[in-house]
């Protein structure tokens, strides 16, 4: 048996209050034809909604991944949209 001590670090964790404060942010995705979708921040990540669909997609860990998912969902030949925070 070895005597090992477990240590943890709080350096990379974020406060639950910080996550709650930022939940509710929205980014609107705008293409040449107008609004194509939106991204909403939740307490645990980001959700994507396309303008043409009523349901939301899964939850993504970062805004960059959510933007990529929204762009991919637009289909082949689509222009990369501009994202505006609201």
C-alpha atoms as a PDB file:
ATOM      1  CA  UNK A   1       0.000   0.000   0.000  1.00  0.00           C
ATOM      2  CA  UNK A   2       1.209   3.461  -0.727  1.00  0.00           C
ATOM      3  CA  UNK A   3       0.345   6.556   1.200  1.00  0.00           C
ATOM      4  CA  UNK A   4      -0.898   9.087  -1.355  1.00  0.00           C
ATOM      5  CA  UNK A   5      -2.535  12.402  -0.657  1.00  0.00           C
ATOM      6  CA  UNK A   6      -5.189  13.712  -3.020  1.00  0.00           C
ATOM      7  CA  UNK A   7      -4.958  17.386  -3.839  1.00  0.00           C
ATOM      8  CA  UNK A   8      -7.338  19.535  -5.798  1.00  0.00           C
ATOM      9  CA  UNK A   9      -6.934  22.909  -7.433  1.00  0.00           C
ATOM     10  CA  UNK A  10      -9.548  25.629  -7.722  1.00  0.00           C
ATOM     11  CA  UNK A  11      -7.550  27.631 -10.282  1.00  0.00           C
ATOM     12  CA  UNK A  12      -9.465  26.423 -13.336  1.00  0.00           C
ATOM     13  CA  UNK A  13     -12.947  26.326 -11.875  1.00  0.00           C
ATOM     14  CA  UNK A  14     -15.510  29.069 -12.242  1.00  0.00           C
ATOM     15  CA  UNK A  15     -17.910  30.271  -9.643  1.00  0.00           C
ATOM     16  CA  UNK A  16     -21.495  29.082  -9.887  1.00  0.00           C
ATOM     17  CA  UNK A  17     -22.544  32.700  -9.505  1.00  0.00           C
ATOM     18  CA  UNK A  18     -20.459  33.701 -12.555  1.00  0.00           C
ATOM     19  CA  UNK A  19     -22.199  31.043 -14.660  1.00  0.00           C
ATOM     20  CA  UNK A  20     -25.621  32.104 -13.424  1.00  0.00           C
ATOM     21  CA  UNK A  21     -24.860  35.773 -14.121  1.00  0.00           C
ATOM     22  CA  UNK A  22     -23.882  35.046 -17.727  1.00  0.00           C
ATOM     23  CA  UNK A  23     -26.772  32.632 -18.417  1.00  0.00           C
ATOM     24  CA  UNK A  24     -29.367  34.272 -20.598  1.00  0.00           C
ATOM     25  CA  UNK A  25     -26.930  35.848 -23.071  1.00  0.00           C
ATOM     26  CA  UNK A  26     -27.955  35.473 -26.705  1.00  0.00           C
ATOM     27  CA  UNK A  27     -26.086  35.748 -29.996  1.00  0.00           C
ATOM     28  CA  UNK A  28     -28.096  36.177 -33.205  1.00  0.00           C
ATOM     29  CA  UNK A  29     -26.661  34.630 -36.372  1.00  0.00           C
ATOM     30  CA  UNK A  30     -27.241  36.786 -39.441  1.00  0.00           C
ATOM     31  CA  UNK A  31     -26.618  35.674 -43.022  1.00  0.00           C
ATOM     32  CA  UNK A  32     -27.168  37.386 -46.381  1.00  0.00           C
ATOM     33  CA  UNK A  33     -30.901  36.601 -46.248  1.00  0.00           C
ATOM     34  CA  UNK A  34     -31.362  37.770 -42.631  1.00  0.00           C
ATOM     35  CA  UNK A  35     -31.495  35.942 -39.307  1.00  0.00           C
ATOM     36  CA  UNK A  36     -30.637  32.265 -39.671  1.00  0.00           C
ATOM     37  CA  UNK A  37     -30.512  31.251 -36.010  1.00  0.00           C
ATOM     38  CA  UNK A  38     -29.378  32.059 -32.508  1.00  0.00           C
ATOM     39  CA  UNK A  39     -27.163  30.791 -29.721  1.00  0.00           C
ATOM     40  CA  UNK A  40     -28.199  31.051 -26.089  1.00  0.00           C
ATOM     41  CA  UNK A  41     -25.973  30.672 -23.050  1.00  0.00           C
ATOM     42  CA  UNK A  42     -27.231  28.359 -20.334  1.00  0.00           C
ATOM     43  CA  UNK A  43     -25.782  27.605 -16.932  1.00  0.00           C
ATOM     44  CA  UNK A  44     -23.829  24.693 -18.396  1.00  0.00           C
ATOM     45  CA  UNK A  45     -23.020  25.680 -21.973  1.00  0.00           C
ATOM     46  CA  UNK A  46     -24.619  26.972 -25.154  1.00  0.00           C
ATOM     47  CA  UNK A  47     -27.691  25.896 -27.144  1.00  0.00           C
ATOM     48  CA  UNK A  48     -28.310  26.497 -30.854  1.00  0.00           C
ATOM     49  CA  UNK A  49     -31.644  27.314 -32.461  1.00  0.00           C
ATOM     50  CA  UNK A  50     -32.124  27.578 -36.203  1.00  0.00           C
ATOM     51  CA  UNK A  51     -34.709  30.068 -37.447  1.00  0.00           C
ATOM     52  CA  UNK A  52     -36.355  27.409 -39.622  1.00  0.00           C
ATOM     53  CA  UNK A  53     -36.833  24.944 -36.728  1.00  0.00           C
ATOM     54  CA  UNK A  54     -38.728  25.270 -33.467  1.00  0.00           C
ATOM     55  CA  UNK A  55     -36.580  22.884 -31.387  1.00  0.00           C
ATOM     56  CA  UNK A  56     -33.136  23.598 -30.005  1.00  0.00           C
ATOM     57  CA  UNK A  57     -30.075  21.450 -30.544  1.00  0.00           C
ATOM     58  CA  UNK A  58     -27.998  19.843 -27.833  1.00  0.00           C
ATOM     59  CA  UNK A  59     -25.864  21.765 -25.396  1.00  0.00           C
ATOM     60  CA  UNK A  60     -22.343  22.683 -26.492  1.00  0.00           C
ATOM     61  CA  UNK A  61     -19.441  23.366 -24.104  1.00  0.00           C
ATOM     62  CA  UNK A  62     -18.135  26.606 -25.680  1.00  0.00           C
ATOM     63  CA  UNK A  63     -19.404  29.464 -27.814  1.00  0.00           C
ATOM     64  CA  UNK A  64     -16.941  28.554 -30.587  1.00  0.00           C
ATOM     65  CA  UNK A  65     -18.283  24.990 -30.775  1.00  0.00           C
ATOM     66  CA  UNK A  66     -21.885  26.272 -30.790  1.00  0.00           C
ATOM     67  CA  UNK A  67     -21.067  28.670 -33.663  1.00  0.00           C
ATOM     68  CA  UNK A  68     -19.535  25.793 -35.630  1.00  0.00           C
ATOM     69  CA  UNK A  69     -22.592  23.611 -34.976  1.00  0.00           C
ATOM     70  CA  UNK A  70     -24.956  26.350 -36.152  1.00  0.00           C
ATOM     71  CA  UNK A  71     -22.904  26.898 -39.320  1.00  0.00           C
ATOM     72  CA  UNK A  72     -22.799  23.152 -40.032  1.00  0.00           C
ATOM     73  CA  UNK A  73     -26.568  22.919 -39.602  1.00  0.00           C
ATOM     74  CA  UNK A  74     -27.090  25.548 -42.316  1.00  0.00           C
ATOM     75  CA  UNK A  75     -25.979  23.010 -44.893  1.00  0.00           C
ATOM     76  CA  UNK A  76     -23.614  22.935 -47.849  1.00  0.00           C
ATOM     77  CA  UNK A  77     -22.974  26.188 -49.662  1.00  0.00           C
ATOM     78  CA  UNK A  78     -24.140  28.431 -46.821  1.00  0.00           C
ATOM     79  CA  UNK A  79     -22.120  31.529 -45.997  1.00  0.00           C
ATOM     80  CA  UNK A  80     -20.668  31.757 -42.493  1.00  0.00           C
ATOM     81  CA  UNK A  81     -23.051  34.046 -40.574  1.00  0.00           C
ATOM     82  CA  UNK A  82     -22.160  37.107 -38.529  1.00  0.00           C
ATOM     83  CA  UNK A  83     -22.869  36.716 -34.811  1.00  0.00           C
ATOM     84  CA  UNK A  84     -24.243  39.676 -32.867  1.00  0.00           C
ATOM     85  CA  UNK A  85     -24.585  39.558 -29.087  1.00  0.00           C
ATOM     86  CA  UNK A  86     -27.914  40.786 -27.688  1.00  0.00           C
END
